Protein backbone atom coordinates (compact mmCIF):
# COMPACT_ATOMS: atom_id res chain seq x y z
CA MET A 1 27.98 -5.70 2.79
CA LYS A 2 30.35 -3.54 0.80
CA TYR A 3 28.57 -1.05 -0.98
CA ASP A 4 29.82 -1.70 -4.33
CA SER A 5 27.98 -5.21 -3.95
CA ILE A 6 24.88 -3.77 -4.05
CA VAL A 7 25.02 -0.96 -6.70
CA SER A 8 24.35 -1.80 -10.16
CA HIS A 9 27.20 -1.39 -12.89
CA GLN A 10 24.82 -2.31 -15.64
CA GLN A 11 23.52 0.10 -17.97
CA PRO A 12 19.63 0.50 -17.28
CA GLY A 13 17.58 -0.59 -19.93
CA ILE A 14 14.97 2.60 -20.74
CA THR A 15 12.07 2.81 -23.73
CA HIS A 16 10.13 5.03 -24.31
CA GLU A 17 6.08 4.33 -26.03
CA HIS A 18 3.68 7.38 -27.25
CA ALA A 19 0.10 6.09 -28.82
CA GLY A 20 -3.59 6.99 -27.90
CA GLY A 21 -2.77 9.97 -25.68
CA VAL A 22 -1.03 7.46 -23.20
CA SER A 23 2.94 7.41 -22.47
CA GLN A 24 5.33 5.02 -20.82
CA THR A 25 8.74 4.86 -20.05
CA ARG A 26 10.27 1.23 -19.01
CA LEU A 27 13.17 0.96 -16.63
CA GLU A 28 15.24 -2.34 -16.23
CA LEU A 29 17.47 -2.89 -14.15
CA ASP A 30 18.85 -6.08 -12.37
CA GLY A 31 16.00 -8.03 -13.03
CA LEU A 32 13.49 -4.76 -11.75
CA VAL A 33 11.06 -3.16 -13.90
CA ALA A 34 9.24 0.00 -13.44
CA ILE A 35 6.97 1.53 -15.60
CA HIS A 36 6.18 5.61 -15.70
CA VAL A 37 2.62 5.71 -17.42
CA ARG A 38 0.63 8.62 -17.85
CA CYS A 39 -2.73 9.51 -19.73
CA ASP A 40 -3.15 13.08 -20.85
CA GLY A 41 -6.30 12.52 -22.52
CA GLU A 42 -10.10 13.22 -21.22
CA ARG A 43 -11.37 10.44 -22.88
CA ARG A 44 -11.71 6.37 -21.36
CA THR A 45 -8.95 4.86 -21.68
CA GLU A 46 -7.54 0.74 -21.44
CA ILE A 47 -3.96 0.54 -19.72
CA SER A 48 -2.48 -2.74 -20.12
CA ILE A 49 -0.68 -3.25 -16.75
CA ALA A 50 1.10 -6.19 -15.71
CA PRO A 51 4.59 -5.74 -16.57
CA ASP A 52 5.30 -9.31 -18.73
CA ASP A 53 5.36 -12.53 -16.41
CA ARG A 54 6.28 -10.83 -13.18
CA THR A 55 5.12 -12.59 -10.38
CA TYR A 56 3.61 -9.34 -8.87
CA PHE A 57 3.26 -6.00 -9.57
CA LEU A 58 2.73 -3.00 -7.75
CA TRP A 59 0.50 -0.03 -9.39
CA ILE A 60 0.58 3.37 -7.39
CA ASN A 61 -1.43 6.10 -8.28
CA LEU A 62 1.34 9.27 -8.88
CA GLY A 63 -1.53 12.46 -9.81
CA ALA A 64 -4.68 13.62 -8.45
CA SER A 65 -7.97 11.62 -8.02
CA SER A 66 -8.89 9.28 -11.10
CA ASN A 67 -12.02 6.83 -11.57
CA VAL A 68 -10.26 3.63 -12.37
CA ARG A 69 -11.89 0.42 -13.02
CA LEU A 70 -8.82 -2.75 -12.30
CA TRP A 71 -8.89 -5.73 -14.21
CA LEU A 72 -7.18 -8.40 -13.47
CA GLY A 73 -7.43 -10.74 -16.73
CA SER A 74 -11.52 -10.92 -17.39
CA LYS A 75 -12.45 -10.49 -14.36
CA GLN A 76 -13.32 -6.55 -12.66
CA VAL A 77 -11.99 -6.43 -9.12
CA ASP A 78 -12.05 -3.03 -8.36
CA SER A 79 -13.96 0.40 -9.38
CA ARG A 80 -12.97 3.99 -7.47
CA ALA A 81 -11.49 7.07 -7.37
CA MET A 82 -7.84 6.72 -6.60
CA THR A 83 -6.35 9.59 -4.47
CA LEU A 84 -2.56 10.70 -4.36
CA TYR A 85 0.13 7.72 -3.62
CA SER A 86 -2.99 5.35 -3.80
CA SER A 87 -1.47 1.85 -4.43
CA TRP A 88 -2.56 -2.14 -5.46
CA VAL A 89 -0.47 -5.14 -4.81
CA ALA A 90 -1.19 -7.99 -6.79
CA ARG A 91 -0.23 -10.93 -8.64
CA SER A 92 0.18 -11.18 -12.24
CA ALA A 93 -2.27 -12.09 -14.42
CA HIS A 94 -2.69 -12.32 -18.34
CA ASN A 95 -4.34 -9.23 -20.16
CA SER A 96 -4.43 -7.25 -16.27
CA SER A 97 -5.63 -3.75 -17.40
CA LEU A 98 -6.45 -0.61 -15.95
CA GLU A 99 -9.84 1.39 -17.37
CA VAL A 100 -9.07 5.11 -16.80
CA GLU A 101 -11.60 8.07 -17.20
CA GLY A 102 -9.41 11.42 -17.55
CA GLN A 103 -5.93 12.28 -17.34
CA PHE A 104 -3.90 10.01 -14.67
CA GLU A 105 -0.39 9.51 -13.92
CA ALA A 106 1.09 6.33 -12.23
CA MET A 107 3.96 3.83 -11.65
CA VAL A 108 3.89 0.08 -11.92
CA LEU A 109 6.67 -1.68 -10.37
CA GLY A 110 7.35 -5.44 -11.43
CA LEU A 111 9.05 -7.59 -8.97
CA SER A 112 9.80 -11.56 -9.82
CA ALA A 113 9.69 -15.14 -7.48
CA GLU A 114 13.52 -13.72 -7.39
CA HIS A 115 13.33 -11.17 -5.11
CA LEU A 116 11.06 -13.16 -2.08
CA ASP A 117 14.81 -13.85 -1.38
CA ASP A 118 17.38 -11.56 -2.89
CA PRO A 119 20.93 -11.59 -0.62
CA THR A 120 21.05 -8.01 -0.99
CA VAL A 121 17.93 -6.84 0.38
CA PRO A 122 18.49 -6.59 4.26
CA THR A 123 15.03 -8.20 5.42
CA PRO A 124 14.10 -11.95 6.46
CA PRO A 125 13.36 -14.42 3.44
CA LEU A 126 10.05 -14.05 2.03
CA THR A 127 7.45 -16.69 1.15
CA GLU A 128 5.26 -14.29 -0.37
CA PHE A 129 3.98 -10.78 -0.78
CA TYR A 130 0.75 -9.90 0.58
CA CYS A 131 -2.10 -8.65 -2.01
CA ILE A 132 -3.13 -5.72 -0.93
CA ARG A 133 -6.71 -3.98 -2.67
CA PRO A 134 -6.96 -0.52 -4.46
CA GLY A 135 -6.81 2.11 -2.29
CA ASN A 136 -4.20 2.02 -0.14
CA VAL A 137 -2.07 4.60 0.51
CA ASP A 138 1.73 4.02 0.37
CA ALA A 139 3.61 7.23 1.02
CA VAL A 140 6.84 6.10 1.11
CA THR A 141 6.34 4.26 -2.14
CA GLY A 142 4.61 7.10 -3.61
CA HIS A 143 7.15 9.59 -3.67
CA LEU A 144 9.98 7.28 -4.37
CA CYS A 145 8.32 6.87 -7.68
CA SER A 146 7.88 10.50 -8.20
CA CYS A 147 11.49 10.88 -8.04
CA LEU A 148 11.89 7.73 -10.40
CA ALA A 149 9.13 9.68 -12.90
CA ILE A 150 10.93 12.99 -12.39
CA ALA A 151 14.73 11.19 -13.58
CA LEU A 152 13.15 8.90 -15.90
CA GLY A 153 11.39 12.22 -17.57
CA THR A 154 15.08 14.17 -18.21
CA PRO A 155 16.65 13.72 -21.37
CA GLY A 156 19.72 11.56 -21.51
CA PHE A 157 19.57 10.61 -17.85
CA LYS A 158 20.78 7.19 -17.10
CA ASN A 159 22.96 7.07 -14.41
CA PRO A 160 22.94 3.53 -12.94
CA HIS A 161 23.78 4.14 -9.50
CA PHE A 162 21.31 6.37 -8.87
CA LEU A 163 18.39 4.27 -10.43
CA ASN A 164 19.94 1.47 -8.64
CA THR A 165 19.87 2.99 -5.32
CA VAL A 166 15.98 4.15 -5.73
CA MET A 167 15.00 0.67 -7.01
CA ARG A 168 16.59 -0.97 -4.30
CA ALA A 169 15.09 1.19 -1.40
CA MET A 170 11.53 0.55 -3.02
CA LEU A 171 12.30 -3.16 -2.85
CA VAL A 172 13.36 -3.23 0.58
CA HIS A 173 10.21 -0.96 1.51
CA PHE A 174 8.41 -3.64 -0.64
CA ASN A 175 9.90 -6.70 1.09
CA VAL A 176 9.36 -5.07 4.69
CA ARG A 177 5.44 -3.62 4.03
CA TYR A 178 4.13 -6.20 2.14
CA GLY A 179 6.48 -9.47 2.09
CA ARG A 180 5.16 -12.18 4.58
CA HIS A 181 8.37 -13.32 6.28
CA ASN A 182 9.13 -17.03 6.51
CA SER A 183 11.74 -16.32 9.68
CA VAL A 184 10.55 -17.44 13.29
CA GLY A 185 12.73 -15.73 16.15
CA ALA A 186 12.19 -16.14 19.71
CA SER A 187 10.56 -13.68 21.81
CA ASP A 188 12.02 -11.68 24.21
CA ALA A 189 12.75 -13.13 27.62
CA ARG A 190 11.12 -10.61 29.40
CA GLY A 191 7.57 -11.71 28.01
CA ARG A 192 7.60 -8.85 25.12
CA LEU A 193 7.26 -9.37 21.50
CA ALA A 194 10.73 -9.31 20.09
CA GLY A 195 12.05 -6.24 18.34
CA TRP A 196 11.30 -7.72 14.60
CA GLN A 197 8.00 -9.17 15.79
CA GLU A 198 6.83 -6.01 16.87
CA SER A 199 7.94 -4.22 13.74
CA ARG A 200 6.46 -6.46 11.09
CA VAL A 201 3.16 -6.70 13.42
CA LYS A 202 2.22 -2.95 12.85
CA GLU A 203 3.90 -3.03 9.14
CA LEU A 204 1.19 -5.16 8.45
CA MET A 205 -1.76 -3.45 10.84
CA ALA A 206 -0.62 -0.58 8.16
CA ALA A 207 -0.66 -2.13 4.77
CA ARG A 208 -3.89 -3.76 5.66
CA ILE A 209 -6.04 -1.14 7.36
CA ASP A 210 -8.63 -1.49 5.10
CA THR A 211 -9.21 -5.54 4.90
CA LYS A 212 -10.12 -8.41 7.18
CA ILE A 213 -7.22 -9.42 8.89
CA SER A 214 -7.26 -12.13 11.82
CA LEU A 215 -5.00 -12.72 14.77
CA GLN A 216 -3.97 -16.29 13.32
CA THR A 217 -2.16 -14.15 11.02
CA PHE A 218 0.07 -12.12 13.06
CA ALA A 219 0.42 -15.12 15.39
CA ASP A 220 2.02 -16.98 12.32
CA GLU A 221 4.04 -14.03 10.99
CA CYS A 222 5.67 -13.98 15.18
CA GLY A 223 5.75 -17.83 14.87
CA LEU A 224 3.45 -18.06 17.95
CA SER A 225 0.36 -19.17 18.89
CA VAL A 226 -2.85 -16.64 18.80
CA SER A 227 -3.29 -16.58 22.89
CA HIS A 228 0.74 -15.81 23.16
CA PHE A 229 0.60 -13.37 20.53
CA SER A 230 -2.05 -12.12 22.03
CA TYR A 231 -0.56 -11.81 25.40
CA LEU A 232 3.03 -10.76 24.52
CA PHE A 233 1.45 -8.03 22.14
CA LYS A 234 -0.38 -6.38 25.24
CA ARG A 235 2.90 -6.69 27.44
CA THR A 236 4.61 -5.01 24.46
CA THR A 237 2.71 -1.96 23.94
CA GLY A 238 0.19 -1.99 26.64
CA LEU A 239 -3.06 -2.39 24.41
CA SER A 240 -4.18 -5.56 22.88
CA PRO A 241 -4.28 -5.97 19.20
CA TYR A 242 -7.72 -5.22 18.65
CA ARG A 243 -7.35 -1.47 20.53
CA TYR A 244 -4.13 -0.65 18.76
CA LEU A 245 -5.72 -1.80 15.71
CA LEU A 246 -8.87 0.43 16.22
CA ASN A 247 -6.65 3.23 17.51
CA VAL A 248 -4.45 2.94 14.01
CA ARG A 249 -7.45 2.81 12.03
CA LEU A 250 -9.28 6.08 14.07
CA MET A 251 -5.56 7.79 13.44
CA ARG A 252 -5.89 6.63 9.92
CA ALA A 253 -9.80 8.37 9.60
CA ARG A 254 -8.73 11.59 11.28
CA ASP A 255 -6.14 12.04 8.61
CA LEU A 256 -8.30 11.48 5.78
CA MET A 257 -10.81 13.89 7.29
CA GLN A 258 -7.93 16.45 7.64
CA LYS A 259 -6.46 16.10 4.18
CA THR A 260 -9.17 14.98 1.80
CA PRO A 261 -12.45 15.62 0.51
CA LEU A 262 -13.59 12.10 0.89
CA THR A 263 -16.92 11.61 2.12
CA LEU A 264 -17.38 10.19 5.81
CA LEU A 265 -18.43 6.60 4.59
CA GLU A 266 -15.34 6.46 1.77
CA ILE A 267 -13.02 7.32 5.00
CA ALA A 268 -14.65 4.75 7.15
CA LEU A 269 -14.15 2.43 4.61
CA SER A 270 -10.86 3.52 3.95
CA ALA A 271 -9.68 3.10 7.27
CA GLY A 272 -11.29 -0.38 7.80
CA PHE A 273 -14.42 0.24 9.24
CA GLY A 274 -17.19 -1.90 8.44
CA SER A 275 -20.11 1.13 7.68
CA GLN A 276 -20.47 4.55 8.55
CA ILE A 277 -22.43 3.72 11.25
CA GLN A 278 -19.87 1.94 13.18
CA PHE A 279 -17.17 4.16 12.61
CA ASN A 280 -19.13 7.05 13.87
CA ARG A 281 -20.03 4.93 16.95
CA ILE A 282 -16.84 4.21 17.79
CA PHE A 283 -15.71 7.68 17.22
CA VAL A 284 -17.92 9.21 19.11
CA LYS A 285 -16.96 6.12 22.79
CA THR A 286 -13.58 7.43 21.55
CA TYR A 287 -13.29 11.48 20.99
CA GLY A 288 -16.33 12.48 22.94
CA VAL A 289 -17.38 14.15 19.44
CA SER A 290 -19.27 13.18 15.92
CA PRO A 291 -17.14 12.89 13.16
CA GLY A 292 -18.69 15.52 11.15
CA THR A 293 -18.09 17.70 14.24
CA TRP A 294 -14.44 17.24 14.31
CA ARG A 295 -13.72 17.65 10.85
CA ARG A 296 -14.92 21.00 10.83
CA GLU A 297 -13.07 21.98 13.77
CA ASN A 298 -9.91 20.06 12.60
CA SER A 299 -10.15 20.45 8.34
CA LEU A 300 -7.24 21.85 7.00
CA ALA A 301 -8.75 21.61 3.64
CA LYS A 302 -10.35 24.89 4.13
CA GLY A 303 -13.72 25.15 2.52
CA GLN A 304 -14.13 21.08 2.13
CA SER A 305 -17.56 19.47 2.66
CA ALA A 306 -18.56 16.22 3.98
CA VAL A 307 -21.74 14.32 2.31
CA VAL A 308 -22.65 11.81 4.74
CA HIS A 309 -23.53 8.33 3.57
CA SER A 310 -24.57 5.24 5.53
CA SER A 311 -23.85 1.92 4.50
CA GLY A 312 -25.26 -1.60 5.41
CA ARG A 313 -21.94 -3.38 5.33
CA GLU A 314 -20.95 -5.78 7.89
CA ASN A 315 -18.48 -5.41 11.01
CA ALA A 316 -14.86 -5.21 9.33
CA LEU A 317 -13.34 -6.51 12.58
CA PRO A 318 -12.96 -10.48 13.13
CA ARG A 319 -15.46 -11.45 15.86
CA SER A 320 -12.20 -13.04 17.42
CA TRP A 321 -11.24 -10.13 18.07
CA GLN A 322 -13.94 -8.18 19.81
């Protein structure tokens, strides 16, 4: 594919609004929409987040941790502190909004159904995007959005080639990380997952680490039965899907313990464990020390303290995986 065929020659549409302590800069280019939102006040503010009638939107936090309440229409779907690059993927709904306490900065990306099968995006055709609950950290989109926010904040900057390149990079990453592919390919003749199947499963594990996800979902993505998928996954990685996902969750928990001041309970839930008790038990069994001890010895945030809580929430790992 020639470079000229994917680079926009359209002039980007950029508009600016500021009202009630909230500033919004909106970019429209080749059917893609990005809205940079900044709230400078210390009061509670309600921000409309669904960009027009887009099929899906991704909201990603670009600032420090803020307390937010997320609404789809008239239904409150979540309430939490969102850290840097925390994201939320959902279907658009009328009157979708986010209630923020204090200062806030974020980017909203709007995607329509046509982006599920965009011929300029080098990924297999998609049937839908997975909706990810708030709190999932997406550093790749976060850095790209930060770059875009700086460009949009530069007076007179309207270079369509640069803006299109950043927007396309975000679209490719969005499709790979959050898209459900409808392509079905044969597995490697040596009894291993094909390269695209292995990559797809690992992307899904990373993207949906804090949600319940079944073996059937992974098998469907690969076009395989559950038993055949489990067999090929172990042949490919040396670990069962359950053990591999457990390792991913433990690595996420270790990263959060090193780099954030989140409590052990918040870390346990963010990494996909059903409770702090379950997290402690698995961590000790794997590393031989408690999470609190490991954190004190390995923390990168000097002087940060952890508040230990417990939770009665049920096991987040499906029974069929255990």
